ModelCIF file with pLDDT and N, C-alpha, C, O atoms, coordinates in Angstrom:
data_MODEL
#
_entry.id   MODEL 
#
_entity.id                         1 
_entity.type                       polymer 
_entity.pdbx_number_of_molecules   1 
#
_entity_poly.entity_id                      1 
_entity_poly.type                           'polypeptide(L)' 
_entity_poly.nstd_linkage                   no 
_entity_poly.nstd_monomer                   no 
_entity_poly.pdbx_seq_one_letter_code       AGEELREGRNYAQALAKKGPAKLIHLAAQYFTKGKGLIDRLSAKDDA 
_entity_poly.pdbx_seq_one_letter_code_can   AGEELREGRNYAQALAKKGPAKLIHLAAQYFTKGKGLIDRLSAKDDA 
_entity_poly.pdbx_strand_id                 A 
#
loop_
_entity_poly_seq.entity_id 
_entity_poly_seq.num 
_entity_poly_seq.mon_id 
_entity_poly_seq.hetero 
1 1  ALA n 
1 2  GLY n 
1 3  GLU n 
1 4  GLU n 
1 5  LEU n 
1 6  ARG n 
1 7  GLU n 
1 8  GLY n 
1 9  ARG n 
1 10 ASN n 
1 11 TYR n 
1 12 ALA n 
1 13 GLN n 
1 14 ALA n 
1 15 LEU n 
1 16 ALA n 
1 17 LYS n 
1 18 LYS n 
1 19 GLY n 
1 20 PRO n 
1 21 ALA n 
1 22 LYS n 
1 23 LEU n 
1 24 ILE n 
1 25 HIS n 
1 26 LEU n 
1 27 ALA n 
1 28 ALA n 
1 29 GLN n 
1 30 TYR n 
1 31 PHE n 
1 32 THR n 
1 33 LYS n 
1 34 GLY n 
1 35 LYS n 
1 36 GLY n 
1 37 LEU n 
1 38 ILE n 
1 39 ASP n 
1 40 ARG n 
1 41 LEU n 
1 42 SER n 
1 43 ALA n 
1 44 LYS n 
1 45 ASP n 
1 46 ASP n 
1 47 ALA n 
#
_struct_asym.id          A 
_struct_asym.entity_id   1 
#
loop_
_ma_qa_metric.id 
_ma_qa_metric.mode 
_ma_qa_metric.name 
_ma_qa_metric.software_group_id 
_ma_qa_metric.type 
1 global pLDDT . pLDDT 
2 local  pLDDT . pLDDT 
#
_ma_qa_metric_global.metric_id      1 
_ma_qa_metric_global.metric_value   97.28 
_ma_qa_metric_global.model_id       1 
_ma_qa_metric_global.ordinal_id     1 
#
loop_
_ma_qa_metric_local.label_asym_id 
_ma_qa_metric_local.label_comp_id 
_ma_qa_metric_local.label_seq_id 
_ma_qa_metric_local.metric_id 
_ma_qa_metric_local.metric_value 
_ma_qa_metric_local.model_id 
_ma_qa_metric_local.ordinal_id 
A ALA 1  2 98.00 1 1  
A GLY 2  2 98.00 1 2  
A GLU 3  2 98.00 1 3  
A GLU 4  2 98.00 1 4  
A LEU 5  2 98.00 1 5  
A ARG 6  2 98.00 1 6  
A GLU 7  2 98.00 1 7  
A GLY 8  2 98.00 1 8  
A ARG 9  2 98.00 1 9  
A ASN 10 2 98.00 1 10 
A TYR 11 2 98.00 1 11 
A ALA 12 2 98.00 1 12 
A GLN 13 2 98.00 1 13 
A ALA 14 2 98.00 1 14 
A LEU 15 2 97.00 1 15 
A ALA 16 2 97.00 1 16 
A LYS 17 2 97.00 1 17 
A LYS 18 2 95.00 1 18 
A GLY 19 2 94.00 1 19 
A PRO 20 2 95.00 1 20 
A ALA 21 2 97.00 1 21 
A LYS 22 2 97.00 1 22 
A LEU 23 2 95.00 1 23 
A ILE 24 2 97.00 1 24 
A HIS 25 2 98.00 1 25 
A LEU 26 2 97.00 1 26 
A ALA 27 2 97.00 1 27 
A ALA 28 2 98.00 1 28 
A GLN 29 2 98.00 1 29 
A TYR 30 2 97.00 1 30 
A PHE 31 2 97.00 1 31 
A THR 32 2 98.00 1 32 
A LYS 33 2 96.00 1 33 
A GLY 34 2 97.00 1 34 
A LYS 35 2 97.00 1 35 
A GLY 36 2 98.00 1 36 
A LEU 37 2 97.00 1 37 
A ILE 38 2 97.00 1 38 
A ASP 39 2 97.00 1 39 
A ARG 40 2 97.00 1 40 
A LEU 41 2 98.00 1 41 
A SER 42 2 97.00 1 42 
A ALA 43 2 97.00 1 43 
A LYS 44 2 97.00 1 44 
A ASP 45 2 98.00 1 45 
A ASP 46 2 98.00 1 46 
A ALA 47 2 98.00 1 47 
#
loop_
_atom_site.group_PDB 
_atom_site.id 
_atom_site.type_symbol 
_atom_site.label_atom_id 
_atom_site.label_alt_id 
_atom_site.label_comp_id 
_atom_site.label_asym_id 
_atom_site.label_entity_id 
_atom_site.label_seq_id 
_atom_site.pdbx_PDB_ins_code 
_atom_site.Cartn_x 
_atom_site.Cartn_y 
_atom_site.Cartn_z 
_atom_site.occupancy 
_atom_site.B_iso_or_equiv 
_atom_site.pdbx_formal_charge 
_atom_site.auth_seq_id 
_atom_site.auth_comp_id 
_atom_site.auth_asym_id 
_atom_site.auth_atom_id 
_atom_site.pdbx_PDB_model_num 
ATOM 1   N N  . ALA A 1 1  ? 0.931   -1.120 0.048   1.00 98.00 ? 1  ALA A N  1 
ATOM 2   C CA . ALA A 1 1  ? 0.187   0.200  0.063   1.00 98.00 ? 1  ALA A CA 1 
ATOM 3   C C  . ALA A 1 1  ? 1.004   1.275  0.135   1.00 98.00 ? 1  ALA A C  1 
ATOM 4   O O  . ALA A 1 1  ? 0.539   2.221  -0.500  1.00 98.00 ? 1  ALA A O  1 
ATOM 5   N N  . GLY A 1 2  ? 1.878   1.467  0.576   1.00 98.00 ? 2  GLY A N  1 
ATOM 6   C CA . GLY A 1 2  ? 2.907   2.283  0.889   1.00 98.00 ? 2  GLY A CA 1 
ATOM 7   C C  . GLY A 1 2  ? 3.395   2.450  -0.337  1.00 98.00 ? 2  GLY A C  1 
ATOM 8   O O  . GLY A 1 2  ? 3.807   3.553  -0.693  1.00 98.00 ? 2  GLY A O  1 
ATOM 9   N N  . GLU A 1 3  ? 3.415   1.262  -1.231  1.00 98.00 ? 3  GLU A N  1 
ATOM 10  C CA . GLU A 1 3  ? 4.628   1.566  -2.338  1.00 98.00 ? 3  GLU A CA 1 
ATOM 11  C C  . GLU A 1 3  ? 3.651   1.986  -3.602  1.00 98.00 ? 3  GLU A C  1 
ATOM 12  O O  . GLU A 1 3  ? 4.127   2.646  -4.526  1.00 98.00 ? 3  GLU A O  1 
ATOM 13  N N  . GLU A 1 4  ? 2.397   1.617  -3.606  1.00 98.00 ? 4  GLU A N  1 
ATOM 14  C CA . GLU A 1 4  ? 1.305   2.544  -4.323  1.00 98.00 ? 4  GLU A CA 1 
ATOM 15  C C  . GLU A 1 4  ? 1.449   3.497  -4.002  1.00 98.00 ? 4  GLU A C  1 
ATOM 16  O O  . GLU A 1 4  ? 2.121   4.115  -4.828  1.00 98.00 ? 4  GLU A O  1 
ATOM 17  N N  . LEU A 1 5  ? 1.102   4.239  -2.935  1.00 98.00 ? 5  LEU A N  1 
ATOM 18  C CA . LEU A 1 5  ? 0.760   5.675  -2.582  1.00 98.00 ? 5  LEU A CA 1 
ATOM 19  C C  . LEU A 1 5  ? 2.096   6.560  -2.749  1.00 98.00 ? 5  LEU A C  1 
ATOM 20  O O  . LEU A 1 5  ? 1.937   7.776  -2.856  1.00 98.00 ? 5  LEU A O  1 
ATOM 21  N N  . ARG A 1 6  ? 3.082   6.163  -2.772  1.00 98.00 ? 6  ARG A N  1 
ATOM 22  C CA . ARG A 1 6  ? 4.392   6.668  -3.235  1.00 98.00 ? 6  ARG A CA 1 
ATOM 23  C C  . ARG A 1 6  ? 4.203   7.073  -4.507  1.00 98.00 ? 6  ARG A C  1 
ATOM 24  O O  . ARG A 1 6  ? 4.209   8.269  -4.797  1.00 98.00 ? 6  ARG A O  1 
ATOM 25  N N  . GLU A 1 7  ? 3.991   5.977  -5.523  1.00 98.00 ? 7  GLU A N  1 
ATOM 26  C CA . GLU A 1 7  ? 3.880   6.210  -6.884  1.00 98.00 ? 7  GLU A CA 1 
ATOM 27  C C  . GLU A 1 7  ? 2.639   7.354  -7.177  1.00 98.00 ? 7  GLU A C  1 
ATOM 28  O O  . GLU A 1 7  ? 2.698   8.153  -8.112  1.00 98.00 ? 7  GLU A O  1 
ATOM 29  N N  . GLY A 1 8  ? 1.872   7.305  -6.519  1.00 98.00 ? 8  GLY A N  1 
ATOM 30  C CA . GLY A 1 8  ? 0.961   8.591  -7.121  1.00 98.00 ? 8  GLY A CA 1 
ATOM 31  C C  . GLY A 1 8  ? 1.360   9.923  -5.978  1.00 98.00 ? 8  GLY A C  1 
ATOM 32  O O  . GLY A 1 8  ? 0.760   10.946 -6.307  1.00 98.00 ? 8  GLY A O  1 
ATOM 33  N N  . ARG A 1 9  ? 1.961   10.047 -5.122  1.00 98.00 ? 9  ARG A N  1 
ATOM 34  C CA . ARG A 1 9  ? 2.517   11.152 -4.782  1.00 98.00 ? 9  ARG A CA 1 
ATOM 35  C C  . ARG A 1 9  ? 2.469   12.149 -5.016  1.00 98.00 ? 9  ARG A C  1 
ATOM 36  O O  . ARG A 1 9  ? 2.240   12.977 -4.134  1.00 98.00 ? 9  ARG A O  1 
ATOM 37  N N  . ASN A 1 10 ? 2.679   12.531 -6.410  1.00 98.00 ? 10 ASN A N  1 
ATOM 38  C CA . ASN A 1 10 ? 2.875   13.828 -6.678  1.00 98.00 ? 10 ASN A CA 1 
ATOM 39  C C  . ASN A 1 10 ? 1.686   14.291 -8.189  1.00 98.00 ? 10 ASN A C  1 
ATOM 40  O O  . ASN A 1 10 ? 1.836   15.244 -8.954  1.00 98.00 ? 10 ASN A O  1 
ATOM 41  N N  . TYR A 1 11 ? 0.626   13.298 -8.208  1.00 98.00 ? 11 TYR A N  1 
ATOM 42  C CA . TYR A 1 11 ? -0.364  12.717 -9.186  1.00 98.00 ? 11 TYR A CA 1 
ATOM 43  C C  . TYR A 1 11 ? -1.421  13.809 -9.025  1.00 98.00 ? 11 TYR A C  1 
ATOM 44  O O  . TYR A 1 11 ? -1.674  14.492 -10.018 1.00 98.00 ? 11 TYR A O  1 
ATOM 45  N N  . ALA A 1 12 ? -2.008  14.025 -7.980  1.00 98.00 ? 12 ALA A N  1 
ATOM 46  C CA . ALA A 1 12 ? -3.243  14.937 -8.175  1.00 98.00 ? 12 ALA A CA 1 
ATOM 47  C C  . ALA A 1 12 ? -2.647  16.670 -8.136  1.00 98.00 ? 12 ALA A C  1 
ATOM 48  O O  . ALA A 1 12 ? -3.273  17.673 -8.478  1.00 98.00 ? 12 ALA A O  1 
ATOM 49  N N  . GLN A 1 13 ? -1.446  16.588 -7.678  1.00 98.00 ? 13 GLN A N  1 
ATOM 50  C CA . GLN A 1 13 ? -1.130  18.078 -7.616  1.00 98.00 ? 13 GLN A CA 1 
ATOM 51  C C  . GLN A 1 13 ? -0.545  18.442 -9.119  1.00 98.00 ? 13 GLN A C  1 
ATOM 52  O O  . GLN A 1 13 ? -0.608  19.621 -9.467  1.00 98.00 ? 13 GLN A O  1 
ATOM 53  N N  . ALA A 1 14 ? 0.137   17.264 -10.202 1.00 98.00 ? 14 ALA A N  1 
ATOM 54  C CA . ALA A 1 14 ? 0.424   17.445 -11.401 1.00 98.00 ? 14 ALA A CA 1 
ATOM 55  C C  . ALA A 1 14 ? -1.231  17.722 -12.796 1.00 98.00 ? 14 ALA A C  1 
ATOM 56  O O  . ALA A 1 14 ? -1.218  18.281 -13.893 1.00 98.00 ? 14 ALA A O  1 
ATOM 57  N N  . LEU A 1 15 ? -2.275  17.109 -12.121 1.00 97.00 ? 15 LEU A N  1 
ATOM 58  C CA . LEU A 1 15 ? -3.550  17.412 -12.461 1.00 97.00 ? 15 LEU A CA 1 
ATOM 59  C C  . LEU A 1 15 ? -3.896  18.570 -12.216 1.00 97.00 ? 15 LEU A C  1 
ATOM 60  O O  . LEU A 1 15 ? -4.755  18.998 -12.986 1.00 97.00 ? 15 LEU A O  1 
ATOM 61  N N  . ALA A 1 16 ? -3.520  19.329 -11.346 1.00 97.00 ? 16 ALA A N  1 
ATOM 62  C CA . ALA A 1 16 ? -3.800  20.446 -11.325 1.00 97.00 ? 16 ALA A CA 1 
ATOM 63  C C  . ALA A 1 16 ? -3.162  21.639 -11.984 1.00 97.00 ? 16 ALA A C  1 
ATOM 64  O O  . ALA A 1 16 ? -3.620  22.770 -11.823 1.00 97.00 ? 16 ALA A O  1 
ATOM 65  N N  . LYS A 1 17 ? -2.046  21.374 -12.768 1.00 97.00 ? 17 LYS A N  1 
ATOM 66  C CA . LYS A 1 17 ? -1.056  22.249 -13.541 1.00 97.00 ? 17 LYS A CA 1 
ATOM 67  C C  . LYS A 1 17 ? -1.993  22.379 -14.707 1.00 97.00 ? 17 LYS A C  1 
ATOM 68  O O  . LYS A 1 17 ? -2.989  21.682 -14.904 1.00 97.00 ? 17 LYS A O  1 
ATOM 69  N N  . LYS A 1 18 ? -1.583  23.283 -15.395 1.00 95.00 ? 18 LYS A N  1 
ATOM 70  C CA . LYS A 1 18 ? -2.322  23.695 -16.613 1.00 95.00 ? 18 LYS A CA 1 
ATOM 71  C C  . LYS A 1 18 ? -1.349  23.844 -17.679 1.00 95.00 ? 18 LYS A C  1 
ATOM 72  O O  . LYS A 1 18 ? -0.152  24.119 -17.598 1.00 95.00 ? 18 LYS A O  1 
ATOM 73  N N  . GLY A 1 19 ? -2.288  23.546 -18.992 1.00 94.00 ? 19 GLY A N  1 
ATOM 74  C CA . GLY A 1 19 ? -1.297  23.827 -20.213 1.00 94.00 ? 19 GLY A CA 1 
ATOM 75  C C  . GLY A 1 19 ? -0.281  22.467 -20.484 1.00 94.00 ? 19 GLY A C  1 
ATOM 76  O O  . GLY A 1 19 ? -0.562  21.401 -19.937 1.00 94.00 ? 19 GLY A O  1 
ATOM 77  N N  . PRO A 1 20 ? 0.805   22.579 -21.286 1.00 95.00 ? 20 PRO A N  1 
ATOM 78  C CA . PRO A 1 20 ? 1.621   21.701 -21.531 1.00 95.00 ? 20 PRO A CA 1 
ATOM 79  C C  . PRO A 1 20 ? 2.028   21.311 -20.351 1.00 95.00 ? 20 PRO A C  1 
ATOM 80  O O  . PRO A 1 20 ? 2.351   20.139 -20.159 1.00 95.00 ? 20 PRO A O  1 
ATOM 81  N N  . ALA A 1 21 ? 2.078   22.378 -19.248 1.00 97.00 ? 21 ALA A N  1 
ATOM 82  C CA . ALA A 1 21 ? 3.169   21.469 -17.890 1.00 97.00 ? 21 ALA A CA 1 
ATOM 83  C C  . ALA A 1 21 ? 2.229   20.399 -17.002 1.00 97.00 ? 21 ALA A C  1 
ATOM 84  O O  . ALA A 1 21 ? 2.648   19.772 -16.029 1.00 97.00 ? 21 ALA A O  1 
ATOM 85  N N  . LYS A 1 22 ? 1.088   20.335 -17.455 1.00 97.00 ? 22 LYS A N  1 
ATOM 86  C CA . LYS A 1 22 ? 0.274   19.331 -16.831 1.00 97.00 ? 22 LYS A CA 1 
ATOM 87  C C  . LYS A 1 22 ? 0.857   17.772 -17.266 1.00 97.00 ? 22 LYS A C  1 
ATOM 88  O O  . LYS A 1 22 ? 1.259   16.858 -16.546 1.00 97.00 ? 22 LYS A O  1 
ATOM 89  N N  . LEU A 1 23 ? 0.715   17.880 -18.901 1.00 95.00 ? 23 LEU A N  1 
ATOM 90  C CA . LEU A 1 23 ? 1.355   16.655 -19.542 1.00 95.00 ? 23 LEU A CA 1 
ATOM 91  C C  . LEU A 1 23 ? 2.771   16.028 -19.464 1.00 95.00 ? 23 LEU A C  1 
ATOM 92  O O  . LEU A 1 23 ? 3.074   14.854 -19.679 1.00 95.00 ? 23 LEU A O  1 
ATOM 93  N N  . ILE A 1 24 ? 3.979   17.587 -18.931 1.00 97.00 ? 24 ILE A N  1 
ATOM 94  C CA . ILE A 1 24 ? 5.017   17.025 -18.702 1.00 97.00 ? 24 ILE A CA 1 
ATOM 95  C C  . ILE A 1 24 ? 4.939   16.004 -17.579 1.00 97.00 ? 24 ILE A C  1 
ATOM 96  O O  . ILE A 1 24 ? 5.021   14.776 -17.553 1.00 97.00 ? 24 ILE A O  1 
ATOM 97  N N  . HIS A 1 25 ? 4.712   17.153 -16.456 1.00 98.00 ? 25 HIS A N  1 
ATOM 98  C CA . HIS A 1 25 ? 4.400   16.349 -15.056 1.00 98.00 ? 25 HIS A CA 1 
ATOM 99  C C  . HIS A 1 25 ? 4.301   14.883 -15.654 1.00 98.00 ? 25 HIS A C  1 
ATOM 100 O O  . HIS A 1 25 ? 5.237   14.137 -15.941 1.00 98.00 ? 25 HIS A O  1 
ATOM 101 N N  . LEU A 1 26 ? 2.634   14.598 -15.801 1.00 97.00 ? 26 LEU A N  1 
ATOM 102 C CA . LEU A 1 26 ? 2.061   13.411 -15.926 1.00 97.00 ? 26 LEU A CA 1 
ATOM 103 C C  . LEU A 1 26 ? 2.867   12.465 -16.600 1.00 97.00 ? 26 LEU A C  1 
ATOM 104 O O  . LEU A 1 26 ? 2.937   11.291 -16.236 1.00 97.00 ? 26 LEU A O  1 
ATOM 105 N N  . ALA A 1 27 ? 3.509   12.954 -17.619 1.00 97.00 ? 27 ALA A N  1 
ATOM 106 C CA . ALA A 1 27 ? 4.621   11.578 -18.219 1.00 97.00 ? 27 ALA A CA 1 
ATOM 107 C C  . ALA A 1 27 ? 5.789   11.394 -17.484 1.00 97.00 ? 27 ALA A C  1 
ATOM 108 O O  . ALA A 1 27 ? 6.173   10.236 -17.314 1.00 97.00 ? 27 ALA A O  1 
ATOM 109 N N  . ALA A 1 28 ? 6.634   12.624 -16.861 1.00 98.00 ? 28 ALA A N  1 
ATOM 110 C CA . ALA A 1 28 ? 7.472   12.278 -16.337 1.00 98.00 ? 28 ALA A CA 1 
ATOM 111 C C  . ALA A 1 28 ? 7.577   11.335 -14.669 1.00 98.00 ? 28 ALA A C  1 
ATOM 112 O O  . ALA A 1 28 ? 8.505   10.705 -14.162 1.00 98.00 ? 28 ALA A O  1 
ATOM 113 N N  . GLN A 1 29 ? 6.012   11.656 -14.148 1.00 98.00 ? 29 GLN A N  1 
ATOM 114 C CA . GLN A 1 29 ? 5.844   11.128 -13.274 1.00 98.00 ? 29 GLN A CA 1 
ATOM 115 C C  . GLN A 1 29 ? 5.449   9.559  -13.728 1.00 98.00 ? 29 GLN A C  1 
ATOM 116 O O  . GLN A 1 29 ? 5.820   8.700  -12.929 1.00 98.00 ? 29 GLN A O  1 
ATOM 117 N N  . TYR A 1 30 ? 4.750   9.101  -14.900 1.00 97.00 ? 30 TYR A N  1 
ATOM 118 C CA . TYR A 1 30 ? 4.333   8.196  -15.037 1.00 97.00 ? 30 TYR A CA 1 
ATOM 119 C C  . TYR A 1 30 ? 5.905   7.181  -15.149 1.00 97.00 ? 30 TYR A C  1 
ATOM 120 O O  . TYR A 1 30 ? 5.994   6.226  -14.378 1.00 97.00 ? 30 TYR A O  1 
ATOM 121 N N  . PHE A 1 31 ? 6.813   7.403  -15.915 1.00 97.00 ? 31 PHE A N  1 
ATOM 122 C CA . PHE A 1 31 ? 7.793   6.985  -16.177 1.00 97.00 ? 31 PHE A CA 1 
ATOM 123 C C  . PHE A 1 31 ? 9.041   6.752  -15.081 1.00 97.00 ? 31 PHE A C  1 
ATOM 124 O O  . PHE A 1 31 ? 10.009  6.009  -15.239 1.00 97.00 ? 31 PHE A O  1 
ATOM 125 N N  . THR A 1 32 ? 8.810   7.407  -14.190 1.00 98.00 ? 32 THR A N  1 
ATOM 126 C CA . THR A 1 32 ? 9.717   7.416  -12.661 1.00 98.00 ? 32 THR A CA 1 
ATOM 127 C C  . THR A 1 32 ? 8.926   6.846  -11.670 1.00 98.00 ? 32 THR A C  1 
ATOM 128 O O  . THR A 1 32 ? 9.341   6.930  -10.514 1.00 98.00 ? 32 THR A O  1 
ATOM 129 N N  . LYS A 1 33 ? 7.852   6.273  -11.891 1.00 96.00 ? 33 LYS A N  1 
ATOM 130 C CA . LYS A 1 33 ? 7.005   5.758  -10.565 1.00 96.00 ? 33 LYS A CA 1 
ATOM 131 C C  . LYS A 1 33 ? 7.069   6.847  -10.047 1.00 96.00 ? 33 LYS A C  1 
ATOM 132 O O  . LYS A 1 33 ? 7.966   6.811  -9.205  1.00 96.00 ? 33 LYS A O  1 
ATOM 133 N N  . GLY A 1 34 ? 6.415   8.195  -10.106 1.00 97.00 ? 34 GLY A N  1 
ATOM 134 C CA . GLY A 1 34 ? 5.765   8.975  -9.319  1.00 97.00 ? 34 GLY A CA 1 
ATOM 135 C C  . GLY A 1 34 ? 6.656   10.239 -8.706  1.00 97.00 ? 34 GLY A C  1 
ATOM 136 O O  . GLY A 1 34 ? 6.178   11.276 -8.246  1.00 97.00 ? 34 GLY A O  1 
ATOM 137 N N  . LYS A 1 35 ? 8.161   9.882  -8.817  1.00 97.00 ? 35 LYS A N  1 
ATOM 138 C CA . LYS A 1 35 ? 8.951   10.877 -8.266  1.00 97.00 ? 35 LYS A CA 1 
ATOM 139 C C  . LYS A 1 35 ? 8.826   12.036 -9.634  1.00 97.00 ? 35 LYS A C  1 
ATOM 140 O O  . LYS A 1 35 ? 8.543   13.151 -9.197  1.00 97.00 ? 35 LYS A O  1 
ATOM 141 N N  . GLY A 1 36 ? 8.933   12.016 -10.754 1.00 98.00 ? 36 GLY A N  1 
ATOM 142 C CA . GLY A 1 36 ? 8.645   13.054 -11.486 1.00 98.00 ? 36 GLY A CA 1 
ATOM 143 C C  . GLY A 1 36 ? 9.449   14.551 -11.896 1.00 98.00 ? 36 GLY A C  1 
ATOM 144 O O  . GLY A 1 36 ? 10.525  14.587 -11.299 1.00 98.00 ? 36 GLY A O  1 
ATOM 145 N N  . LEU A 1 37 ? 9.291   15.422 -12.496 1.00 97.00 ? 37 LEU A N  1 
ATOM 146 C CA . LEU A 1 37 ? 10.317  16.535 -12.401 1.00 97.00 ? 37 LEU A CA 1 
ATOM 147 C C  . LEU A 1 37 ? 10.612  16.897 -10.795 1.00 97.00 ? 37 LEU A C  1 
ATOM 148 O O  . LEU A 1 37 ? 11.777  16.854 -10.402 1.00 97.00 ? 37 LEU A O  1 
ATOM 149 N N  . ILE A 1 38 ? 9.845   17.150 -10.141 1.00 97.00 ? 38 ILE A N  1 
ATOM 150 C CA . ILE A 1 38 ? 9.516   17.703 -8.995  1.00 97.00 ? 38 ILE A CA 1 
ATOM 151 C C  . ILE A 1 38 ? 9.352   16.832 -7.981  1.00 97.00 ? 38 ILE A C  1 
ATOM 152 O O  . ILE A 1 38 ? 8.149   16.571 -8.013  1.00 97.00 ? 38 ILE A O  1 
ATOM 153 N N  . ASP A 1 39 ? 9.975   16.069 -6.869  1.00 97.00 ? 39 ASP A N  1 
ATOM 154 C CA . ASP A 1 39 ? 9.423   15.542 -6.192  1.00 97.00 ? 39 ASP A CA 1 
ATOM 155 C C  . ASP A 1 39 ? 8.914   16.254 -4.627  1.00 97.00 ? 39 ASP A C  1 
ATOM 156 O O  . ASP A 1 39 ? 9.561   17.117 -4.033  1.00 97.00 ? 39 ASP A O  1 
ATOM 157 N N  . ARG A 1 40 ? 7.643   15.671 -4.167  1.00 97.00 ? 40 ARG A N  1 
ATOM 158 C CA . ARG A 1 40 ? 7.170   16.696 -3.325  1.00 97.00 ? 40 ARG A CA 1 
ATOM 159 C C  . ARG A 1 40 ? 6.469   18.172 -4.118  1.00 97.00 ? 40 ARG A C  1 
ATOM 160 O O  . ARG A 1 40 ? 6.714   19.262 -3.599  1.00 97.00 ? 40 ARG A O  1 
ATOM 161 N N  . LEU A 1 41 ? 5.724   18.113 -5.206  1.00 98.00 ? 41 LEU A N  1 
ATOM 162 C CA . LEU A 1 41 ? 5.107   19.048 -6.034  1.00 98.00 ? 41 LEU A CA 1 
ATOM 163 C C  . LEU A 1 41 ? 4.006   19.705 -5.274  1.00 98.00 ? 41 LEU A C  1 
ATOM 164 O O  . LEU A 1 41 ? 3.131   19.045 -4.712  1.00 98.00 ? 41 LEU A O  1 
ATOM 165 N N  . SER A 1 42 ? 4.055   21.075 -5.258  1.00 97.00 ? 42 SER A N  1 
ATOM 166 C CA . SER A 1 42 ? 3.053   21.424 -4.120  1.00 97.00 ? 42 SER A CA 1 
ATOM 167 C C  . SER A 1 42 ? 1.193   22.011 -4.944  1.00 97.00 ? 42 SER A C  1 
ATOM 168 O O  . SER A 1 42 ? 0.621   21.973 -6.034  1.00 97.00 ? 42 SER A O  1 
ATOM 169 N N  . ALA A 1 43 ? 0.957   22.456 -3.632  1.00 97.00 ? 43 ALA A N  1 
ATOM 170 C CA . ALA A 1 43 ? -0.738  21.684 -4.029  1.00 97.00 ? 43 ALA A CA 1 
ATOM 171 C C  . ALA A 1 43 ? -1.253  23.205 -3.166  1.00 97.00 ? 43 ALA A C  1 
ATOM 172 O O  . ALA A 1 43 ? -0.651  23.901 -2.349  1.00 97.00 ? 43 ALA A O  1 
ATOM 173 N N  . LYS A 1 44 ? -2.372  23.298 -3.659  1.00 97.00 ? 44 LYS A N  1 
ATOM 174 C CA . LYS A 1 44 ? -3.040  24.757 -3.360  1.00 97.00 ? 44 LYS A CA 1 
ATOM 175 C C  . LYS A 1 44 ? -4.350  24.161 -2.600  1.00 97.00 ? 44 LYS A C  1 
ATOM 176 O O  . LYS A 1 44 ? -5.006  23.232 -3.070  1.00 97.00 ? 44 LYS A O  1 
ATOM 177 N N  . ASP A 1 45 ? -4.666  24.833 -1.320  1.00 98.00 ? 45 ASP A N  1 
ATOM 178 C CA . ASP A 1 45 ? -5.819  24.764 -0.855  1.00 98.00 ? 45 ASP A CA 1 
ATOM 179 C C  . ASP A 1 45 ? -7.216  24.759 -1.730  1.00 98.00 ? 45 ASP A C  1 
ATOM 180 O O  . ASP A 1 45 ? -7.455  25.880 -2.180  1.00 98.00 ? 45 ASP A O  1 
ATOM 181 N N  . ASP A 1 46 ? -8.250  23.702 -2.096  1.00 98.00 ? 46 ASP A N  1 
ATOM 182 C CA . ASP A 1 46 ? -8.830  23.975 -2.460  1.00 98.00 ? 46 ASP A CA 1 
ATOM 183 C C  . ASP A 1 46 ? -10.177 25.207 -2.433  1.00 98.00 ? 46 ASP A C  1 
ATOM 184 O O  . ASP A 1 46 ? -10.984 25.530 -3.305  1.00 98.00 ? 46 ASP A O  1 
ATOM 185 N N  . ALA A 1 47 ? -10.008 25.597 -1.269  1.00 98.00 ? 47 ALA A N  1 
ATOM 186 C CA . ALA A 1 47 ? -10.944 26.600 -0.718  1.00 98.00 ? 47 ALA A CA 1 
ATOM 187 C C  . ALA A 1 47 ? -10.295 28.159 -1.630  1.00 98.00 ? 47 ALA A C  1 
ATOM 188 O O  . ALA A 1 47 ? -10.827 29.252 -1.440  1.00 98.00 ? 47 ALA A O  1 
#
């Protein structure tokens, strides 16, 4: 479970990006099993 959670650790943050940046981050995470270009990608409170 921890391994699966770590693979998705930056995914929701990448989805929140816009334009080509979204696709670049998602592709990088897919091939690095979650690490991506920036590990611990920032997030903004939904509110």
